[in-house]
Protein backbone atom coordinates (compact mmCIF):
# COMPACT_ATOMS: atom_id res chain seq x y z
CA MET A 1 132.48 124.82 56.66
CA LYS A 2 130.53 121.58 56.49
CA ARG A 3 129.40 119.67 59.56
CA GLY A 4 132.21 117.30 60.57
CA SER A 5 134.98 119.48 59.11
CA VAL A 6 138.18 119.61 61.15
CA ILE A 7 139.00 123.05 62.56
CA GLY A 8 142.20 122.03 64.32
CA ASN A 9 143.61 119.74 66.97
CA ILE A 10 142.70 121.09 70.37
CA ALA A 11 144.65 118.40 72.25
CA LYS A 12 147.88 119.52 70.57
CA ASP A 13 147.08 123.22 70.95
CA VAL A 14 146.35 122.90 74.68
CA GLY A 15 149.05 120.28 75.27
CA LEU A 16 146.80 117.44 76.47
CA ASP A 17 147.46 113.72 76.22
CA LEU A 18 144.75 112.04 74.10
CA SER A 19 143.97 109.47 76.81
CA ARG A 20 143.08 112.30 79.19
CA LEU A 21 140.40 113.72 76.86
CA SER A 22 138.16 110.69 77.26
CA ALA A 23 138.99 110.05 80.92
CA ARG A 24 138.16 113.67 81.80
CA ARG A 25 135.00 113.79 79.64
CA ALA A 26 136.19 116.65 77.44
CA ARG A 27 133.51 118.70 75.73
CA VAL A 28 133.06 122.09 74.09
CA ASP A 29 130.52 124.52 75.54
CA SER A 30 129.33 127.82 74.10
CA GLU A 31 129.26 131.00 76.17
CA ASP A 32 126.99 132.84 73.78
CA ASN A 33 123.68 131.18 73.07
CA GLY A 34 123.95 127.56 74.14
CA VAL A 35 124.26 126.22 70.59
CA GLN A 36 127.05 123.67 70.33
CA PHE A 37 128.88 124.78 67.19
CA CYS A 38 131.92 122.56 67.83
CA SER A 39 132.70 119.16 69.27
CA VAL A 40 135.84 117.24 70.18
CA ASN A 41 136.77 113.85 68.76
CA LEU A 42 137.98 112.17 71.95
CA ASN A 43 140.08 109.66 70.00
CA THR A 44 142.04 112.16 67.90
CA GLY A 45 141.73 115.48 69.77
CA GLU A 46 140.34 117.17 66.66
CA LEU A 47 137.98 120.11 67.03
CA LEU A 48 135.07 119.55 64.62
CA VAL A 49 132.26 121.66 63.21
CA GLN A 50 129.06 120.41 64.88
CA GLU A 51 126.60 123.01 63.59
CA ARG A 52 126.81 125.47 60.73
CA ILE A 53 128.17 128.81 61.89
CA ASP A 54 126.05 131.53 60.28
CA ARG A 55 127.85 134.82 60.77
CA GLU A 56 124.91 136.93 59.59
CA GLY A 57 122.51 135.09 61.88
CA LEU A 58 124.77 135.42 64.89
CA CYS A 59 126.12 138.93 64.48
CA ALA A 60 123.88 140.68 61.97
CA LYS A 61 125.67 143.86 60.89
CA LYS A 62 128.25 144.13 63.67
CA THR A 63 131.73 145.01 62.45
CA SER A 64 133.34 142.12 64.31
CA CYS A 65 131.95 138.73 65.22
CA ILE A 66 133.58 136.56 67.86
CA LEU A 67 132.19 133.17 68.85
CA LYS A 68 133.17 132.32 72.43
CA GLN A 69 133.72 128.63 73.22
CA GLU A 70 135.23 126.70 76.13
CA LEU A 71 136.94 123.34 76.28
CA VAL A 72 135.70 121.77 79.52
CA LEU A 73 137.60 118.96 81.27
CA GLU A 74 136.25 117.30 84.41
CA ASN A 75 137.90 115.69 87.46
CA PRO A 76 139.41 118.16 88.25
CA LEU A 77 137.51 120.92 86.48
CA GLU A 78 139.64 122.73 83.92
CA LEU A 79 138.47 125.35 81.40
CA HIS A 80 140.21 126.57 78.26
CA ARG A 81 138.57 129.48 76.44
CA PHE A 82 138.95 130.00 72.75
CA TYR A 83 137.38 132.43 70.35
CA HIS A 84 136.51 131.88 66.68
CA PRO A 85 135.86 132.88 63.98
CA ARG A 86 137.09 136.42 64.11
CA ALA A 87 135.17 137.49 61.06
CA ARG A 88 134.89 141.09 60.08
CA HIS A 89 131.95 142.37 58.14
CA GLN A 90 133.30 144.72 55.53
CA ARG A 91 130.98 147.24 53.99
CA GLN A 92 131.75 148.23 50.47
CA ARG A 93 131.54 151.87 49.55
CA THR A 94 130.56 152.91 46.09
CA SER A 95 130.75 156.30 44.49
CA ILE A 96 128.22 157.55 41.99
């Protein structure tokens, strides 16, 4: 997906009022390697692609690849974990 592409609407999925996103300084943090792959549009609640997600670079030849992210809200602190993409690396077998 291209940078800026909409993944979904995290405000709707979590059940948050849009005005609370900005007031509570909502952000997306990564548990894995500190790279911010996603961001939140505080006006719309949309979860956006911030950086290209390279499955091969992140997971090499693992059979499953899960990117762990958290939606962080402040005052009071609230965390919502979400995992994406759940990509599976499929090896093709050939017979000779």
